[in-house]
PDB file of N, CA and C in Angstrom:
ATOM      1  N   MET A   1      47.784  86.493 110.050  1.00  0.00           N
ATOM      2  CA  MET A   1      48.843  87.482 110.030  1.00  0.00           C
ATOM      3  C   MET A   1      48.999  88.045 111.443  1.00  0.00           C
ATOM      4  N   ARG A   2      50.223  88.233 111.838  1.00  0.00           N
ATOM      5  CA  ARG A   2      50.483  88.791 113.161  1.00  0.00           C
ATOM      6  C   ARG A   2      50.646  90.303 113.089  1.00  0.00           C
ATOM      7  N   TYR A   3      50.085  90.967 114.116  1.00  0.00           N
ATOM      8  CA  TYR A   3      50.143  92.419 114.213  1.00  0.00           C
ATOM      9  C   TYR A   3      50.639  92.804 115.595  1.00  0.00           C
ATOM     10  N   MET A   4      51.494  93.827 115.634  1.00  0.00           N
ATOM     11  CA  MET A   4      51.942  94.400 116.890  1.00  0.00           C
ATOM     12  C   MET A   4      51.095  95.643 117.127  1.00  0.00           C
ATOM     13  N   LEU A   5      50.456  95.699 118.279  1.00  0.00           N
ATOM     14  CA  LEU A   5      49.690  96.867 118.676  1.00  0.00           C
ATOM     15  C   LEU A   5      50.535  97.618 119.695  1.00  0.00           C
ATOM     16  N   LEU A   6      51.045  98.768 119.317  1.00  0.00           N
ATOM     17  CA  LEU A   6      51.941  99.553 120.170  1.00  0.00           C
ATOM     18  C   LEU A   6      51.139 100.652 120.845  1.00  0.00           C
ATOM     19  N   LEU A   7      51.182 100.686 122.169  1.00  0.00           N
ATOM     20  CA  LEU A   7      50.358 101.592 122.958  1.00  0.00           C
ATOM     21  C   LEU A   7      51.152 102.841 123.334  1.00  0.00           C
ATOM     22  N   TYR A   8      50.691 103.998 122.868  1.00  0.00           N
ATOM     23  CA  TYR A   8      51.377 105.260 123.120  1.00  0.00           C
ATOM     24  C   TYR A   8      50.496 106.199 123.930  1.00  0.00           C
ATOM     25  N   GLY A   9      51.121 107.006 124.761  1.00  0.00           N
ATOM     26  CA  GLY A   9      50.403 108.032 125.504  1.00  0.00           C
ATOM     27  C   GLY A   9      51.356 109.046 126.085  1.00  0.00           C
ATOM     28  N   GLU A  10      50.832 110.221 126.345  1.00  0.00           N
ATOM     29  CA  GLU A  10      51.623 111.268 126.989  1.00  0.00           C
ATOM     30  C   GLU A  10      51.629 111.032 128.487  1.00  0.00           C
ATOM     31  N   ALA A  11      52.696 111.407 129.140  1.00  0.00           N
ATOM     32  CA  ALA A  11      52.764 111.306 130.594  1.00  0.00           C
ATOM     33  C   ALA A  11      51.611 112.099 131.192  1.00  0.00           C
ATOM     34  N   GLY A  12      50.890 111.485 132.103  1.00  0.00           N
ATOM     35  CA  GLY A  12      49.777 112.155 132.756  1.00  0.00           C
ATOM     36  C   GLY A  12      48.464 112.093 131.998  1.00  0.00           C
ATOM     37  N   ALA A  13      48.474 111.532 130.787  1.00  0.00           N
ATOM     38  CA  ALA A  13      47.222 111.390 130.038  1.00  0.00           C
ATOM     39  C   ALA A  13      46.399 110.274 130.677  1.00  0.00           C
ATOM     40  N   GLY A  14      45.120 110.423 130.660  1.00  0.00           N
ATOM     41  CA  GLY A  14      44.250 109.413 131.246  1.00  0.00           C
ATOM     42  C   GLY A  14      44.018 109.686 132.717  1.00  0.00           C
ATOM     43  N   PRO A  15      43.272 108.806 133.346  1.00  0.00           N
ATOM     44  CA  PRO A  15      42.916 108.997 134.756  1.00  0.00           C
ATOM     45  C   PRO A  15      44.132 108.914 135.689  1.00  0.00           C
ATOM     46  N   ALA A  16      44.066 109.625 136.784  1.00  0.00           N
ATOM     47  CA  ALA A  16      45.145 109.625 137.775  1.00  0.00           C
ATOM     48  C   ALA A  16      45.112 108.339 138.597  1.00  0.00           C
ATOM     49  N   PRO A  17      46.295 107.757 138.870  1.00  0.00           N
ATOM     50  CA  PRO A  17      46.341 106.559 139.707  1.00  0.00           C
ATOM     51  C   PRO A  17      45.626 106.785 141.036  1.00  0.00           C
ATOM     52  N   GLY A  18      44.931 105.755 141.487  1.00  0.00           N
ATOM     53  CA  GLY A  18      44.232 105.819 142.756  1.00  0.00           C
ATOM     54  C   GLY A  18      42.795 106.294 142.646  1.00  0.00           C
ATOM     55  N   THR A  19      42.400 106.794 141.469  1.00  0.00           N
ATOM     56  CA  THR A  19      41.027 107.260 141.290  1.00  0.00           C
ATOM     57  C   THR A  19      40.138 106.113 140.803  1.00  0.00           C
ATOM     58  N   THR A  20      38.848 106.314 140.947  1.00  0.00           N
ATOM     59  CA  THR A  20      37.874 105.331 140.455  1.00  0.00           C
ATOM     60  C   THR A  20      38.029 105.146 138.950  1.00  0.00           C
ATOM     61  N   ASP A  21      38.248 106.260 138.226  1.00  0.00           N
ATOM     62  CA  ASP A  21      38.414 106.171 136.771  1.00  0.00           C
ATOM     63  C   ASP A  21      39.656 105.369 136.395  1.00  0.00           C
ATOM     64  N   PHE A  22      40.712 105.494 137.189  1.00  0.00           N
ATOM     65  CA  PHE A  22      41.927 104.715 136.931  1.00  0.00           C
ATOM     66  C   PHE A  22      41.638 103.222 137.122  1.00  0.00           C
ATOM     67  N   GLY A  23      40.927 102.896 138.190  1.00  0.00           N
ATOM     68  CA  GLY A  23      40.544 101.502 138.419  1.00  0.00           C
ATOM     69  C   GLY A  23      39.695 100.964 137.279  1.00  0.00           C
ATOM     70  N   GLN A  24      38.797 101.794 136.754  1.00  0.00           N
ATOM     71  CA  GLN A  24      37.969 101.378 135.622  1.00  0.00           C
ATOM     72  C   GLN A  24      38.819 101.159 134.372  1.00  0.00           C
ATOM     73  N   MET A  25      39.813 102.040 134.159  1.00  0.00           N
ATOM     74  CA  MET A  25      40.701 101.877 133.008  1.00  0.00           C
ATOM     75  C   MET A  25      41.455 100.553 133.099  1.00  0.00           C
ATOM     76  N   LEU A  26      41.971 100.218 134.290  1.00  0.00           N
ATOM     77  CA  LEU A  26      42.671  98.940 134.466  1.00  0.00           C
ATOM     78  C   LEU A  26      41.732  97.770 134.202  1.00  0.00           C
ATOM     79  N   ALA A  27      40.495  97.882 134.665  1.00  0.00           N
ATOM     80  CA  ALA A  27      39.504  96.834 134.407  1.00  0.00           C
ATOM     81  C   ALA A  27      39.236  96.719 132.907  1.00  0.00           C
ATOM     82  N   ASP A  28      39.201  97.854 132.211  1.00  0.00           N
ATOM     83  CA  ASP A  28      38.982  97.846 130.761  1.00  0.00           C
ATOM     84  C   ASP A  28      40.138  97.168 130.029  1.00  0.00           C
ATOM     85  N   TYR A  29      41.375  97.411 130.493  1.00  0.00           N
ATOM     86  CA  TYR A  29      42.528  96.704 129.912  1.00  0.00           C
ATOM     87  C   TYR A  29      42.360  95.198 130.123  1.00  0.00           C
ATOM     88  N   GLY A  30      41.973  94.808 131.326  1.00  0.00           N
ATOM     89  CA  GLY A  30      41.764  93.386 131.620  1.00  0.00           C
ATOM     90  C   GLY A  30      40.693  92.784 130.731  1.00  0.00           C
ATOM     91  N   SER A  31      39.600  93.514 130.535  1.00  0.00           N
ATOM     92  CA  SER A  31      38.517  93.020 129.679  1.00  0.00           C
ATOM     93  C   SER A  31      38.968  92.864 128.232  1.00  0.00           C
ATOM     94  N   ALA A  32      39.708  93.851 127.724  1.00  0.00           N
ATOM     95  CA  ALA A  32      40.204  93.778 126.348  1.00  0.00           C
ATOM     96  C   ALA A  32      41.143  92.583 126.186  1.00  0.00           C
ATOM     97  N   THR A  33      42.027  92.405 127.156  1.00  0.00           N
ATOM     98  CA  THR A  33      42.982  91.299 127.099  1.00  0.00           C
ATOM     99  C   THR A  33      42.262  89.952 127.160  1.00  0.00           C
ATOM    100  N   GLN A  34      41.301  89.823 128.069  1.00  0.00           N
ATOM    101  CA  GLN A  34      40.544  88.567 128.191  1.00  0.00           C
ATOM    102  C   GLN A  34      39.742  88.279 126.927  1.00  0.00           C
ATOM    103  N   ALA A  35      39.164  89.312 126.308  1.00  0.00           N
ATOM    104  CA  ALA A  35      38.392  89.116 125.080  1.00  0.00           C
ATOM    105  C   ALA A  35      39.293  88.633 123.938  1.00  0.00           C
ATOM    106  N   MET A  36      40.480  89.203 123.835  1.00  0.00           N
ATOM    107  CA  MET A  36      41.428  88.761 122.803  1.00  0.00           C
ATOM    108  C   MET A  36      41.858  87.323 123.046  1.00  0.00           C
ATOM    109  N   GLN A  37      42.083  87.002 124.324  1.00  0.00           N
ATOM    110  CA  GLN A  37      42.482  85.642 124.681  1.00  0.00           C
ATOM    111  C   GLN A  37      41.357  84.663 124.356  1.00  0.00           C
ATOM    112  N   ALA A  38      40.121  85.007 124.701  1.00  0.00           N
ATOM    113  CA  ALA A  38      38.976  84.136 124.450  1.00  0.00           C
ATOM    114  C   ALA A  38      38.748  83.944 122.952  1.00  0.00           C
ATOM    115  N   ALA A  39      39.040  84.971 122.159  1.00  0.00           N
ATOM    116  CA  ALA A  39      38.861  84.878 120.707  1.00  0.00           C
ATOM    117  C   ALA A  39      40.008  84.131 120.027  1.00  0.00           C
ATOM    118  N   GLY A  40      41.067  83.854 120.791  1.00  0.00           N
ATOM    119  CA  GLY A  40      42.197  83.106 120.240  1.00  0.00           C
ATOM    120  C   GLY A  40      43.161  83.941 119.412  1.00  0.00           C
ATOM    121  N   VAL A  41      43.092  85.286 119.527  1.00  0.00           N
ATOM    122  CA  VAL A  41      43.994  86.126 118.738  1.00  0.00           C
ATOM    123  C   VAL A  41      45.199  86.612 119.532  1.00  0.00           C
ATOM    124  N   LEU A  42      45.142  86.553 120.858  1.00  0.00           N
ATOM    125  CA  LEU A  42      46.226  87.080 121.684  1.00  0.00           C
ATOM    126  C   LEU A  42      47.424  86.135 121.684  1.00  0.00           C
ATOM    127  N   VAL A  43      48.583  86.665 121.295  1.00  0.00           N
ATOM    128  CA  VAL A  43      49.837  85.909 121.338  1.00  0.00           C
ATOM    129  C   VAL A  43      50.619  86.314 122.584  1.00  0.00           C
ATOM    130  N   ASP A  44      50.701  87.624 122.860  1.00  0.00           N
ATOM    131  CA  ASP A  44      51.442  88.126 124.014  1.00  0.00           C
ATOM    132  C   ASP A  44      51.010  89.564 124.280  1.00  0.00           C
ATOM    133  N   SER A  45      51.203  90.017 125.496  1.00  0.00           N
ATOM    134  CA  SER A  45      50.873  91.387 125.878  1.00  0.00           C
ATOM    135  C   SER A  45      51.627  91.727 127.148  1.00  0.00           C
ATOM    136  N   SER A  46      52.055  93.011 127.246  1.00  0.00           N
ATOM    137  CA  SER A  46      52.724  93.430 128.467  1.00  0.00           C
ATOM    138  C   SER A  46      52.840  94.936 128.517  1.00  0.00           C
ATOM    139  N   PRO A  47      52.693  95.512 129.710  1.00  0.00           N
ATOM    140  CA  PRO A  47      53.056  96.921 129.870  1.00  0.00           C
ATOM    141  C   PRO A  47      54.576  97.007 129.940  1.00  0.00           C
ATOM    142  N   LEU A  48      55.107  98.185 129.704  1.00  0.00           N
ATOM    143  CA  LEU A  48      56.548  98.400 129.781  1.00  0.00           C
ATOM    144  C   LEU A  48      56.883  99.212 131.027  1.00  0.00           C
ATOM    145  N   GLN A  49      58.112  99.074 131.497  1.00  0.00           N
ATOM    146  CA  GLN A  49      58.609  99.914 132.578  1.00  0.00           C
ATOM    147  C   GLN A  49      58.625 101.357 132.076  1.00  0.00           C
ATOM    148  N   PRO A  50      58.675 102.348 132.972  1.00  0.00           N
ATOM    149  CA  PRO A  50      58.688 103.750 132.537  1.00  0.00           C
ATOM    150  C   PRO A  50      59.845 104.045 131.586  1.00  0.00           C
ATOM    151  N   VAL A  51      59.641 105.045 130.731  1.00  0.00           N
ATOM    152  CA  VAL A  51      60.646 105.417 129.738  1.00  0.00           C
ATOM    153  C   VAL A  51      61.973 105.791 130.399  1.00  0.00           C
ATOM    154  N   SER A  52      61.944 106.220 131.648  1.00  0.00           N
ATOM    155  CA  SER A  52      63.179 106.573 132.357  1.00  0.00           C
ATOM    156  C   SER A  52      64.089 105.368 132.570  1.00  0.00           C
ATOM    157  N   THR A  53      63.564 104.149 132.409  1.00  0.00           N
ATOM    158  CA  THR A  53      64.377 102.943 132.579  1.00  0.00           C
ATOM    159  C   THR A  53      65.013 102.476 131.267  1.00  0.00           C
ATOM    160  N   ALA A  54      64.702 103.154 130.163  1.00  0.00           N
ATOM    161  CA  ALA A  54      65.193 102.729 128.844  1.00  0.00           C
ATOM    162  C   ALA A  54      66.688 102.965 128.694  1.00  0.00           C
ATOM    163  N   THR A  55      67.304 102.134 127.903  1.00  0.00           N
ATOM    164  CA  THR A  55      68.694 102.305 127.488  1.00  0.00           C
ATOM    165  C   THR A  55      68.719 102.147 125.979  1.00  0.00           C
ATOM    166  N   THR A  56      69.428 103.037 125.288  1.00  0.00           N
ATOM    167  CA  THR A  56      69.488 103.010 123.829  1.00  0.00           C
ATOM    168  C   THR A  56      70.897 102.667 123.386  1.00  0.00           C
ATOM    169  N   VAL A  57      71.001 101.771 122.402  1.00  0.00           N
ATOM    170  CA  VAL A  57      72.291 101.368 121.846  1.00  0.00           C
ATOM    171  C   VAL A  57      72.339 101.775 120.378  1.00  0.00           C
ATOM    172  N   ARG A  58      73.427 102.431 120.020  1.00  0.00           N
ATOM    173  CA  ARG A  58      73.712 102.758 118.628  1.00  0.00           C
ATOM    174  C   ARG A  58      75.132 102.269 118.352  1.00  0.00           C
ATOM    175  N   VAL A  59      75.379 101.824 117.134  1.00  0.00           N
ATOM    176  CA  VAL A  59      76.738 101.457 116.745  1.00  0.00           C
ATOM    177  C   VAL A  59      77.154 102.423 115.641  1.00  0.00           C
ATOM    178  N   ARG A  60      78.204 103.171 115.897  1.00  0.00           N
ATOM    179  CA  ARG A  60      78.727 104.148 114.944  1.00  0.00           C
ATOM    180  C   ARG A  60      80.204 103.855 114.745  1.00  0.00           C
ATOM    181  N   ALA A  61      80.612 103.765 113.475  1.00  0.00           N
ATOM    182  CA  ALA A  61      82.003 103.458 113.131  1.00  0.00           C
ATOM    183  C   ALA A  61      82.475 102.210 113.867  1.00  0.00           C
ATOM    184  N   GLY A  62      81.570 101.236 113.996  1.00  0.00           N
ATOM    185  CA  GLY A  62      81.906  99.971 114.627  1.00  0.00           C
ATOM    186  C   GLY A  62      81.964 100.004 116.143  1.00  0.00           C
ATOM    187  N   GLN A  63      81.686 101.137 116.750  1.00  0.00           N
ATOM    188  CA  GLN A  63      81.766 101.274 118.192  1.00  0.00           C
ATOM    189  C   GLN A  63      80.377 101.462 118.795  1.00  0.00           C
ATOM    190  N   PRO A  64      80.055 100.682 119.827  1.00  0.00           N
ATOM    191  CA  PRO A  64      78.752 100.860 120.463  1.00  0.00           C
ATOM    192  C   PRO A  64      78.698 102.151 121.275  1.00  0.00           C
ATOM    193  N   GLN A  65      77.571 102.825 121.192  1.00  0.00           N
ATOM    194  CA  GLN A  65      77.305 104.006 122.005  1.00  0.00           C
ATOM    195  C   GLN A  65      76.047 103.701 122.809  1.00  0.00           C
ATOM    196  N   VAL A  66      76.183 103.666 124.107  1.00  0.00           N
ATOM    197  CA  VAL A  66      75.074 103.324 124.992  1.00  0.00           C
ATOM    198  C   VAL A  66      74.696 104.567 125.785  1.00  0.00           C
ATOM    199  N   THR A  67      73.411 104.927 125.725  1.00  0.00           N
ATOM    200  CA  THR A  67      72.939 106.091 126.474  1.00  0.00           C
ATOM    201  C   THR A  67      71.702 105.709 127.264  1.00  0.00           C
ATOM    202  N   ASP A  68      71.536 106.362 128.394  1.00  0.00           N
ATOM    203  CA  ASP A  68      70.328 106.168 129.187  1.00  0.00           C
ATOM    204  C   ASP A  68      69.185 106.910 128.512  1.00  0.00           C
ATOM    205  N   GLY A  69      68.017 106.315 128.552  1.00  0.00           N
ATOM    206  CA  GLY A  69      66.829 106.975 128.035  1.00  0.00           C
ATOM    207  C   GLY A  69      66.406 106.452 126.681  1.00  0.00           C
ATOM    208  N   PRO A  70      65.288 106.977 126.202  1.00  0.00           N
ATOM    209  CA  PRO A  70      64.734 106.513 124.932  1.00  0.00           C
ATOM    210  C   PRO A  70      65.530 107.044 123.749  1.00  0.00           C
ATOM    211  N   PHE A  71      65.246 106.509 122.569  1.00  0.00           N
ATOM    212  CA  PHE A  71      65.938 106.893 121.342  1.00  0.00           C
ATOM    213  C   PHE A  71      65.679 108.349 120.986  1.00  0.00           C
ATOM    214  N   ALA A  72      64.442 108.791 121.151  1.00  0.00           N
ATOM    215  CA  ALA A  72      64.073 110.140 120.735  1.00  0.00           C
ATOM    216  C   ALA A  72      63.274 110.834 121.829  1.00  0.00           C
ATOM    217  N   GLU A  73      63.354 112.132 121.858  1.00  0.00           N
ATOM    218  CA  GLU A  73      62.536 112.923 122.766  1.00  0.00           C
ATOM    219  C   GLU A  73      61.196 113.158 122.088  1.00  0.00           C
ATOM    220  N   ILE A  74      60.158 112.564 122.635  1.00  0.00           N
ATOM    221  CA  ILE A  74      58.829 112.688 122.051  1.00  0.00           C
ATOM    222  C   ILE A  74      57.815 112.915 123.160  1.00  0.00           C
ATOM    223  N   ARG A  75      56.664 113.441 122.788  1.00  0.00           N
ATOM    224  CA  ARG A  75      55.622 113.673 123.790  1.00  0.00           C
ATOM    225  C   ARG A  75      54.927 112.375 124.163  1.00  0.00           C
ATOM    226  N   GLU A  76      54.590 111.564 123.164  1.00  0.00           N
ATOM    227  CA  GLU A  76      53.930 110.297 123.452  1.00  0.00           C
ATOM    228  C   GLU A  76      54.985 109.211 123.598  1.00  0.00           C
ATOM    229  N   MET A  77      54.867 108.429 124.660  1.00  0.00           N
ATOM    230  CA  MET A  77      55.837 107.384 124.940  1.00  0.00           C
ATOM    231  C   MET A  77      55.207 106.013 124.768  1.00  0.00           C
ATOM    232  N   LEU A  78      56.004 105.068 124.324  1.00  0.00           N
ATOM    233  CA  LEU A  78      55.558 103.690 124.200  1.00  0.00           C
ATOM    234  C   LEU A  78      55.382 103.118 125.589  1.00  0.00           C
ATOM    235  N   GLY A  79      54.180 102.646 125.893  1.00  0.00           N
ATOM    236  CA  GLY A  79      53.895 102.172 127.238  1.00  0.00           C
ATOM    237  C   GLY A  79      53.618 100.696 127.353  1.00  0.00           C
ATOM    238  N   GLY A  80      53.393 100.036 126.226  1.00  0.00           N
ATOM    239  CA  GLY A  80      53.101  98.611 126.260  1.00  0.00           C
ATOM    240  C   GLY A  80      52.776  98.113 124.868  1.00  0.00           C
ATOM    241  N   TYR A  81      52.435  96.841 124.787  1.00  0.00           N
ATOM    242  CA  TYR A  81      52.143  96.255 123.482  1.00  0.00           C
ATOM    243  C   TYR A  81      51.202  95.075 123.623  1.00  0.00           C
ATOM    244  N   TYR A  82      50.584  94.741 122.526  1.00  0.00           N
ATOM    245  CA  TYR A  82      49.871  93.481 122.334  1.00  0.00           C
ATOM    246  C   TYR A  82      50.402  92.887 121.046  1.00  0.00           C
ATOM    247  N   LEU A  83      50.625  91.601 121.026  1.00  0.00           N
ATOM    248  CA  LEU A  83      50.951  90.886 119.808  1.00  0.00           C
ATOM    249  C   LEU A  83      49.765  89.979 119.530  1.00  0.00           C
ATOM    250  N   ILE A  84      49.108  90.201 118.388  1.00  0.00           N
ATOM    251  CA  ILE A  84      47.895  89.447 118.070  1.00  0.00           C
ATOM    252  C   ILE A  84      48.044  88.768 116.715  1.00  0.00           C
ATOM    253  N   ASP A  85      47.283  87.721 116.505  1.00  0.00           N
ATOM    254  CA  ASP A  85      47.280  86.974 115.256  1.00  0.00           C
ATOM    255  C   ASP A  85      45.863  87.029 114.705  1.00  0.00           C
ATOM    256  N   CYS A  86      45.663  87.793 113.645  1.00  0.00           N
ATOM    257  CA  CYS A  86      44.327  88.052 113.098  1.00  0.00           C
ATOM    258  C   CYS A  86      44.251  87.649 111.632  1.00  0.00           C
ATOM    259  N   ALA A  87      43.040  87.524 111.152  1.00  0.00           N
ATOM    260  CA  ALA A  87      42.820  87.168 109.752  1.00  0.00           C
ATOM    261  C   ALA A  87      43.285  88.279 108.817  1.00  0.00           C
ATOM    262  N   ASP A  88      43.093  89.546 109.240  1.00  0.00           N
ATOM    263  CA  ASP A  88      43.455  90.661 108.369  1.00  0.00           C
ATOM    264  C   ASP A  88      43.561  91.952 109.183  1.00  0.00           C
ATOM    265  N   LEU A  89      43.938  93.025 108.491  1.00  0.00           N
ATOM    266  CA  LEU A  89      44.112  94.319 109.148  1.00  0.00           C
ATOM    267  C   LEU A  89      42.816  94.815 109.770  1.00  0.00           C
ATOM    268  N   ASP A  90      41.692  94.611 109.108  1.00  0.00           N
ATOM    269  CA  ASP A  90      40.414  95.068 109.657  1.00  0.00           C
ATOM    270  C   ASP A  90      40.147  94.466 111.027  1.00  0.00           C
ATOM    271  N   GLU A  91      40.425  93.179 111.185  1.00  0.00           N
ATOM    272  CA  GLU A  91      40.228  92.531 112.484  1.00  0.00           C
ATOM    273  C   GLU A  91      41.193  93.111 113.513  1.00  0.00           C
ATOM    274  N   ALA A  92      42.459  93.322 113.118  1.00  0.00           N
ATOM    275  CA  ALA A  92      43.453  93.900 114.034  1.00  0.00           C
ATOM    276  C   ALA A  92      43.026  95.296 114.488  1.00  0.00           C
ATOM    277  N   LEU A  93      42.468  96.079 113.565  1.00  0.00           N
ATOM    278  CA  LEU A  93      42.007  97.425 113.914  1.00  0.00           C
ATOM    279  C   LEU A  93      40.835  97.383 114.885  1.00  0.00           C
ATOM    280  N   ARG A  94      39.949  96.414 114.713  1.00  0.00           N
ATOM    281  CA  ARG A  94      38.826  96.270 115.651  1.00  0.00           C
ATOM    282  C   ARG A  94      39.344  95.984 117.057  1.00  0.00           C
ATOM    283  N   TRP A  95      40.313  95.079 117.176  1.00  0.00           N
ATOM    284  CA  TRP A  95      40.876  94.767 118.497  1.00  0.00           C
ATOM    285  C   TRP A  95      41.604  95.979 119.071  1.00  0.00           C
ATOM    286  N   ALA A  96      42.343  96.705 118.238  1.00  0.00           N
ATOM    287  CA  ALA A  96      43.067  97.894 118.712  1.00  0.00           C
ATOM    288  C   ALA A  96      42.100  98.901 119.329  1.00  0.00           C
ATOM    289  N   GLY A  97      40.918  99.011 118.773  1.00  0.00           N
ATOM    290  CA  GLY A  97      39.926  99.951 119.287  1.00  0.00           C
ATOM    291  C   GLY A  97      39.360  99.576 120.637  1.00  0.00           C
ATOM    292  N   THR A  98      39.584  98.343 121.087  1.00  0.00           N
ATOM    293  CA  THR A  98      39.076  97.917 122.399  1.00  0.00           C
ATOM    294  C   THR A  98      40.040  98.236 123.532  1.00  0.00           C
ATOM    295  N   ILE A  99      41.243  98.683 123.206  1.00  0.00           N
ATOM    296  CA  ILE A  99      42.282  98.933 124.205  1.00  0.00           C
ATOM    297  C   ILE A  99      42.150 100.373 124.718  1.00  0.00           C
ATOM    298  N   PRO A 100      42.136 100.580 126.042  1.00  0.00           N
ATOM    299  CA  PRO A 100      41.993 101.933 126.589  1.00  0.00           C
ATOM    300  C   PRO A 100      43.011 102.945 126.057  1.00  0.00           C
ATOM    301  N   ALA A 101      44.189 102.512 125.657  1.00  0.00           N
ATOM    302  CA  ALA A 101      45.182 103.454 125.121  1.00  0.00           C
ATOM    303  C   ALA A 101      44.634 104.205 123.911  1.00  0.00           C
ATOM    304  N   ALA A 102      43.694 103.622 123.198  1.00  0.00           N
ATOM    305  CA  ALA A 102      43.095 104.302 122.047  1.00  0.00           C
ATOM    306  C   ALA A 102      42.277 105.506 122.496  1.00  0.00           C
ATOM    307  N   ARG A 103      41.777 105.484 123.733  1.00  0.00           N
ATOM    308  CA  ARG A 103      40.995 106.604 124.264  1.00  0.00           C
ATOM    309  C   ARG A 103      41.873 107.700 124.855  1.00  0.00           C
ATOM    310  N   PHE A 104      43.011 107.333 125.441  1.00  0.00           N
ATOM    311  CA  PHE A 104      43.843 108.291 126.164  1.00  0.00           C
ATOM    312  C   PHE A 104      45.136 108.645 125.428  1.00  0.00           C
ATOM    313  N   GLY A 105      45.440 107.951 124.363  1.00  0.00           N
ATOM    314  CA  GLY A 105      46.654 108.171 123.578  1.00  0.00           C
ATOM    315  C   GLY A 105      46.411 107.643 122.183  1.00  0.00           C
ATOM    316  N   SER A 106      47.194 106.664 121.787  1.00  0.00           N
ATOM    317  CA  SER A 106      47.000 106.057 120.475  1.00  0.00           C
ATOM    318  C   SER A 106      47.503 104.616 120.494  1.00  0.00           C
ATOM    319  N   VAL A 107      47.003 103.848 119.538  1.00  0.00           N
ATOM    320  CA  VAL A 107      47.455 102.474 119.344  1.00  0.00           C
ATOM    321  C   VAL A 107      47.925 102.367 117.900  1.00  0.00           C
ATOM    322  N   GLU A 108      49.205 102.137 117.720  1.00  0.00           N
ATOM    323  CA  GLU A 108      49.761 101.933 116.383  1.00  0.00           C
ATOM    324  C   GLU A 108      49.628 100.452 116.045  1.00  0.00           C
ATOM    325  N   VAL A 109      49.055 100.157 114.903  1.00  0.00           N
ATOM    326  CA  VAL A 109      48.866  98.778 114.449  1.00  0.00           C
ATOM    327  C   VAL A 109      49.857  98.542 113.329  1.00  0.00           C
ATOM    328  N   ARG A 110      50.768  97.606 113.552  1.00  0.00           N
ATOM    329  CA  ARG A 110      51.803  97.358 112.561  1.00  0.00           C
ATOM    330  C   ARG A 110      51.940  95.865 112.291  1.00  0.00           C
ATOM    331  N   PRO A 111      51.818  95.459 111.010  1.00  0.00           N
ATOM    332  CA  PRO A 111      51.999  94.043 110.694  1.00  0.00           C
ATOM    333  C   PRO A 111      53.456  93.633 110.878  1.00  0.00           C
ATOM    334  N   LEU A 112      53.657  92.409 111.346  1.00  0.00           N
ATOM    335  CA  LEU A 112      55.001  91.872 111.464  1.00  0.00           C
ATOM    336  C   LEU A 112      55.421  91.325 110.104  1.00  0.00           C
ATOM    337  N   MET A 113      56.691  91.477 109.775  1.00  0.00           N
ATOM    338  CA  MET A 113      57.209  90.893 108.536  1.00  0.00           C
ATOM    339  C   MET A 113      57.241  89.388 108.700  1.00  0.00           C
ATOM    340  N   GLN A 114      56.881  88.707 107.643  1.00  0.00           N
ATOM    341  CA  GLN A 114      56.951  87.261 107.648  1.00  0.00           C
ATOM    342  C   GLN A 114      58.141  86.830 106.793  1.00  0.00           C
ATOM    343  N   ALA A 115      58.785  85.749 107.203  1.00  0.00           N
ATOM    344  CA  ALA A 115      59.940  85.259 106.461  1.00  0.00           C
ATOM    345  C   ALA A 115      59.584  85.075 104.987  1.00  0.00           C
ATOM    346  N   GLY A 116      60.448  85.570 104.110  1.00  0.00           N
ATOM    347  CA  GLY A 116      60.238  85.428 102.683  1.00  0.00           C
ATOM    348  C   GLY A 116      59.299  86.444 102.082  1.00  0.00           C
ATOM    349  N   THR A 117      58.807  87.377 102.898  1.00  0.00           N
ATOM    350  CA  THR A 117      57.887  88.403 102.395  1.00  0.00           C
ATOM    351  C   THR A 117      58.646  89.714 102.289  1.00  0.00           C
ATOM    352  N   PRO A 118      58.739  90.303 101.073  1.00  0.00           N
ATOM    353  CA  PRO A 118      59.438  91.584 100.976  1.00  0.00           C
ATOM    354  C   PRO A 118      58.632  92.687 101.626  1.00  0.00           C
ATOM    355  N   ASN A 119      59.339  93.724 102.087  1.00  0.00           N
ATOM    356  CA  ASN A 119      58.630  94.831 102.752  1.00  0.00           C
ATOM    357  C   ASN A 119      58.169  95.862 101.766  1.00  0.00           C
TER     358      ASN A 119
END
């Protein structure tokens, strides 16, 4: 089963860029990613550009409405993702716990819908 691990955090949460702790956090992300890859569960992973680069599209009364910025004003912002293929939710949760975002923000674990499977 495939799971999307969505990485959330507040602006400024975690170590400051340029510090030793920040370098360690980046190394921890690398270690988590390499471990998932070595275990054969990693499908894809990427950080996202800052939320200020987002564009939101809504269609109302058949007309597109395009606005700069994210869909909602929230404290925690989506900063990246992992797409993993695991045997079950328990395995996906174990991998989610290895990602530094779990220490400085949160990791939402969400199963992907499979064709022919009702939600």
